[in-house]
PDB file of N, CA and C in Angstrom:
ATOM      1  N   UNK A   1      -6.467  25.710 -17.698  1.00  0.00           N
ATOM      2  CA  UNK A   1      -6.015  24.322 -17.730  1.00  0.00           C
ATOM      3  C   UNK A   1      -6.365  23.615 -16.428  1.00  0.00           C
ATOM      4  N   UNK A   2      -6.166  24.302 -15.299  1.00  0.00           N
ATOM      5  CA  UNK A   2      -6.468  23.666 -14.036  1.00  0.00           C
ATOM      6  C   UNK A   2      -7.959  23.316 -13.923  1.00  0.00           C
ATOM      7  N   UNK A   3      -8.801  24.181 -14.460  1.00  0.00           N
ATOM      8  CA  UNK A   3     -10.245  23.895 -14.422  1.00  0.00           C
ATOM      9  C   UNK A   3     -10.575  22.654 -15.213  1.00  0.00           C
ATOM     10  N   UNK A   4      -9.875  22.423 -16.322  1.00  0.00           N
ATOM     11  CA  UNK A   4     -10.124  21.219 -17.122  1.00  0.00           C
ATOM     12  C   UNK A   4      -9.659  19.964 -16.356  1.00  0.00           C
ATOM     13  N   UNK A   5      -8.499  20.066 -15.694  1.00  0.00           N
ATOM     14  CA  UNK A   5      -7.969  18.901 -14.993  1.00  0.00           C
ATOM     15  C   UNK A   5      -8.819  18.535 -13.774  1.00  0.00           C
ATOM     16  N   UNK A   6      -9.452  19.515 -13.156  1.00  0.00           N
ATOM     17  CA  UNK A   6     -10.231  19.255 -11.955  1.00  0.00           C
ATOM     18  C   UNK A   6     -11.723  19.302 -12.210  1.00  0.00           C
ATOM     19  N   UNK A   7     -12.117  19.356 -13.475  1.00  0.00           N
ATOM     20  CA  UNK A   7     -13.532  19.425 -13.829  1.00  0.00           C
ATOM     21  C   UNK A   7     -14.232  18.080 -13.588  1.00  0.00           C
ATOM     22  N   UNK A   8     -15.551  18.111 -13.473  1.00  0.00           N
ATOM     23  CA  UNK A   8     -16.311  16.890 -13.171  1.00  0.00           C
ATOM     24  C   UNK A   8     -16.231  15.818 -14.243  1.00  0.00           C
ATOM     25  N   UNK A   9     -16.064  16.217 -15.514  1.00  0.00           N
ATOM     26  CA  UNK A   9     -16.020  15.210 -16.592  1.00  0.00           C
ATOM     27  C   UNK A   9     -14.746  14.366 -16.489  1.00  0.00           C
ATOM     28  N   UNK A  10     -13.613  15.028 -16.314  1.00  0.00           N
ATOM     29  CA  UNK A  10     -12.350  14.286 -16.204  1.00  0.00           C
ATOM     30  C   UNK A  10     -12.274  13.485 -14.913  1.00  0.00           C
ATOM     31  N   UNK A  11     -12.741  14.064 -13.800  1.00  0.00           N
ATOM     32  CA  UNK A  11     -12.749  13.337 -12.522  1.00  0.00           C
ATOM     33  C   UNK A  11     -13.601  12.083 -12.578  1.00  0.00           C
ATOM     34  N   UNK A  12     -14.726  12.165 -13.278  1.00  0.00           N
ATOM     35  CA  UNK A  12     -15.606  10.993 -13.415  1.00  0.00           C
ATOM     36  C   UNK A  12     -14.919   9.891 -14.200  1.00  0.00           C
ATOM     37  N   UNK A  13     -14.180  10.273 -15.248  1.00  0.00           N
ATOM     38  CA  UNK A  13     -13.471   9.273 -16.033  1.00  0.00           C
ATOM     39  C   UNK A  13     -12.350   8.601 -15.231  1.00  0.00           C
ATOM     40  N   UNK A  14     -11.627   9.422 -14.444  1.00  0.00           N
ATOM     41  CA  UNK A  14     -10.527   8.885 -13.653  1.00  0.00           C
ATOM     42  C   UNK A  14     -11.082   7.994 -12.553  1.00  0.00           C
ATOM     43  N   UNK A  15     -12.138   8.395 -11.887  1.00  0.00           N
ATOM     44  CA  UNK A  15     -12.724   7.571 -10.827  1.00  0.00           C
ATOM     45  C   UNK A  15     -13.258   6.258 -11.349  1.00  0.00           C
ATOM     46  N   UNK A  16     -13.708   6.218 -12.578  1.00  0.00           N
ATOM     47  CA  UNK A  16     -14.219   4.994 -13.172  1.00  0.00           C
ATOM     48  C   UNK A  16     -13.083   3.980 -13.365  1.00  0.00           C
ATOM     49  N   UNK A  17     -11.849   4.474 -13.534  1.00  0.00           N
ATOM     50  CA  UNK A  17     -10.696   3.599 -13.754  1.00  0.00           C
ATOM     51  C   UNK A  17     -10.070   3.086 -12.466  1.00  0.00           C
ATOM     52  N   UNK A  18     -10.337   3.754 -11.341  1.00  0.00           N
ATOM     53  CA  UNK A  18      -9.729   3.376 -10.086  1.00  0.00           C
ATOM     54  C   UNK A  18     -10.355   2.106  -9.507  1.00  0.00           C
ATOM     55  N   UNK A  19      -9.581   1.243  -8.870  1.00  0.00           N
ATOM     56  CA  UNK A  19     -10.167   0.037  -8.252  1.00  0.00           C
ATOM     57  C   UNK A  19     -10.975   0.426  -7.013  1.00  0.00           C
ATOM     58  N   UNK A  20     -11.875  -0.464  -6.634  1.00  0.00           N
ATOM     59  CA  UNK A  20     -12.673  -0.208  -5.447  1.00  0.00           C
ATOM     60  C   UNK A  20     -11.798  -0.219  -4.203  1.00  0.00           C
ATOM     61  N   UNK A  21     -12.268   0.488  -3.187  1.00  0.00           N
ATOM     62  CA  UNK A  21     -11.495   0.576  -1.942  1.00  0.00           C
ATOM     63  C   UNK A  21     -11.418  -0.819  -1.305  1.00  0.00           C
ATOM     64  N   UNK A  22     -10.215  -1.145  -0.793  1.00  0.00           N
ATOM     65  CA  UNK A  22     -10.039  -2.405  -0.090  1.00  0.00           C
ATOM     66  C   UNK A  22      -9.531  -2.132   1.311  1.00  0.00           C
ATOM     67  N   UNK A  23      -9.958  -2.961   2.240  1.00  0.00           N
ATOM     68  CA  UNK A  23      -9.488  -2.857   3.615  1.00  0.00           C
ATOM     69  C   UNK A  23      -8.065  -3.404   3.691  1.00  0.00           C
ATOM     70  N   UNK A  24      -7.270  -2.824   4.564  1.00  0.00           N
ATOM     71  CA  UNK A  24      -5.912  -3.310   4.776  1.00  0.00           C
ATOM     72  C   UNK A  24      -5.972  -4.636   5.548  1.00  0.00           C
ATOM     73  N   UNK A  25      -5.139  -5.552   5.162  1.00  0.00           N
ATOM     74  CA  UNK A  25      -5.063  -6.814   5.912  1.00  0.00           C
ATOM     75  C   UNK A  25      -4.269  -6.623   7.201  1.00  0.00           C
ATOM     76  N   UNK A  26      -3.196  -5.824   7.124  1.00  0.00           N
ATOM     77  CA  UNK A  26      -2.377  -5.543   8.263  1.00  0.00           C
ATOM     78  C   UNK A  26      -2.200  -4.065   8.428  1.00  0.00           C
ATOM     79  N   UNK A  27      -2.232  -3.546   9.661  1.00  0.00           N
ATOM     80  CA  UNK A  27      -1.955  -2.129   9.855  1.00  0.00           C
ATOM     81  C   UNK A  27      -0.498  -1.845   9.519  1.00  0.00           C
ATOM     82  N   UNK A  28      -0.147  -0.604   9.192  1.00  0.00           N
ATOM     83  CA  UNK A  28       1.225  -0.272   8.781  1.00  0.00           C
ATOM     84  C   UNK A  28       2.302  -0.677   9.786  1.00  0.00           C
ATOM     85  N   UNK A  29       2.034  -0.552  11.080  1.00  0.00           N
ATOM     86  CA  UNK A  29       3.059  -0.909  12.072  1.00  0.00           C
ATOM     87  C   UNK A  29       3.311  -2.410  12.097  1.00  0.00           C
ATOM     88  N   UNK A  30       2.280  -3.205  11.969  1.00  0.00           N
ATOM     89  CA  UNK A  30       2.440  -4.663  11.933  1.00  0.00           C
ATOM     90  C   UNK A  30       3.174  -5.081  10.666  1.00  0.00           C
ATOM     91  N   UNK A  31       2.827  -4.469   9.543  1.00  0.00           N
ATOM     92  CA  UNK A  31       3.511  -4.780   8.286  1.00  0.00           C
ATOM     93  C   UNK A  31       4.976  -4.459   8.378  1.00  0.00           C
ATOM     94  N   UNK A  32       5.332  -3.337   8.994  1.00  0.00           N
ATOM     95  CA  UNK A  32       6.722  -2.947   9.162  1.00  0.00           C
ATOM     96  C   UNK A  32       7.452  -3.965  10.023  1.00  0.00           C
ATOM     97  N   UNK A  33       6.828  -4.433  11.083  1.00  0.00           N
ATOM     98  CA  UNK A  33       7.432  -5.426  11.948  1.00  0.00           C
ATOM     99  C   UNK A  33       7.678  -6.734  11.191  1.00  0.00           C
ATOM    100  N   UNK A  34       6.720  -7.158  10.390  1.00  0.00           N
ATOM    101  CA  UNK A  34       6.856  -8.386   9.598  1.00  0.00           C
ATOM    102  C   UNK A  34       8.020  -8.287   8.617  1.00  0.00           C
ATOM    103  N   UNK A  35       8.078  -7.139   7.908  1.00  0.00           N
ATOM    104  CA  UNK A  35       9.154  -6.909   6.940  1.00  0.00           C
ATOM    105  C   UNK A  35      10.502  -6.860   7.631  1.00  0.00           C
ATOM    106  N   UNK A  36      10.569  -6.189   8.779  1.00  0.00           N
ATOM    107  CA  UNK A  36      11.846  -6.114   9.489  1.00  0.00           C
ATOM    108  C   UNK A  36      12.302  -7.479   9.957  1.00  0.00           C
ATOM    109  N   UNK A  37      11.382  -8.282  10.451  1.00  0.00           N
ATOM    110  CA  UNK A  37      11.717  -9.631  10.895  1.00  0.00           C
ATOM    111  C   UNK A  37      12.210 -10.484   9.755  1.00  0.00           C
ATOM    112  N   UNK A  38      11.519 -10.431   8.614  1.00  0.00           N
ATOM    113  CA  UNK A  38      11.952 -11.200   7.460  1.00  0.00           C
ATOM    114  C   UNK A  38      13.305 -10.745   6.907  1.00  0.00           C
ATOM    115  N   UNK A  39      13.505  -9.415   6.868  1.00  0.00           N
ATOM    116  CA  UNK A  39      14.776  -8.900   6.411  1.00  0.00           C
ATOM    117  C   UNK A  39      15.909  -9.317   7.339  1.00  0.00           C
ATOM    118  N   UNK A  40      15.675  -9.274   8.630  1.00  0.00           N
ATOM    119  CA  UNK A  40      16.683  -9.717   9.598  1.00  0.00           C
ATOM    120  C   UNK A  40      17.003 -11.168   9.430  1.00  0.00           C
ATOM    121  N   UNK A  41      15.978 -11.966   9.194  1.00  0.00           N
ATOM    122  CA  UNK A  41      16.214 -13.402   9.009  1.00  0.00           C
ATOM    123  C   UNK A  41      17.000 -13.661   7.718  1.00  0.00           C
ATOM    124  N   UNK A  42      16.660 -12.945   6.637  1.00  0.00           N
ATOM    125  CA  UNK A  42      17.384 -13.134   5.380  1.00  0.00           C
ATOM    126  C   UNK A  42      18.830 -12.675   5.478  1.00  0.00           C
ATOM    127  N   UNK A  43      19.097 -11.664   6.248  1.00  0.00           N
ATOM    128  CA  UNK A  43      20.448 -11.167   6.407  1.00  0.00           C
ATOM    129  C   UNK A  43      21.273 -11.941   7.429  1.00  0.00           C
ATOM    130  N   UNK A  44      20.606 -12.885   8.110  1.00  0.00           N
ATOM    131  CA  UNK A  44      21.310 -13.679   9.091  1.00  0.00           C
ATOM    132  C   UNK A  44      21.470 -12.979  10.448  1.00  0.00           C
ATOM    133  N   UNK A  45      20.713 -11.914  10.659  1.00  0.00           N
ATOM    134  CA  UNK A  45      20.798 -11.204  11.918  1.00  0.00           C
ATOM    135  C   UNK A  45      19.886 -11.782  12.993  1.00  0.00           C
ATOM    136  N   UNK A  46      18.890 -12.515  12.550  1.00  0.00           N
ATOM    137  CA  UNK A  46      17.911 -13.110  13.470  1.00  0.00           C
ATOM    138  C   UNK A  46      17.830 -14.604  13.174  1.00  0.00           C
ATOM    139  N   UNK A  47      17.909 -15.388  14.214  1.00  0.00           N
ATOM    140  CA  UNK A  47      17.720 -16.842  14.088  1.00  0.00           C
ATOM    141  C   UNK A  47      16.416 -17.230  14.735  1.00  0.00           C
ATOM    142  N   UNK A  48      15.562 -17.854  13.951  1.00  0.00           N
ATOM    143  CA  UNK A  48      14.278 -18.313  14.445  1.00  0.00           C
ATOM    144  C   UNK A  48      14.247 -19.823  14.308  1.00  0.00           C
ATOM    145  N   UNK A  49      14.081 -20.493  15.429  1.00  0.00           N
ATOM    146  CA  UNK A  49      13.989 -21.960  15.357  1.00  0.00           C
ATOM    147  C   UNK A  49      12.566 -22.357  15.679  1.00  0.00           C
ATOM    148  N   UNK A  50      12.112 -23.306  14.905  1.00  0.00           N
ATOM    149  CA  UNK A  50      10.729 -23.780  15.090  1.00  0.00           C
ATOM    150  C   UNK A  50      10.684 -25.014  15.946  1.00  0.00           C
TER     151      UNK A  50
END
């Protein structure tokens, strides 16, 4: 069974369904900082004045 799941025929079919690779817009640490800032603002923990 494992040979069937990892065989070239099934892998080719699965790879055909996957989307093309995309570059990240933001690195994970920056994204975490953005989410934390927005969550803090929504919870009223952070006040940002423009």
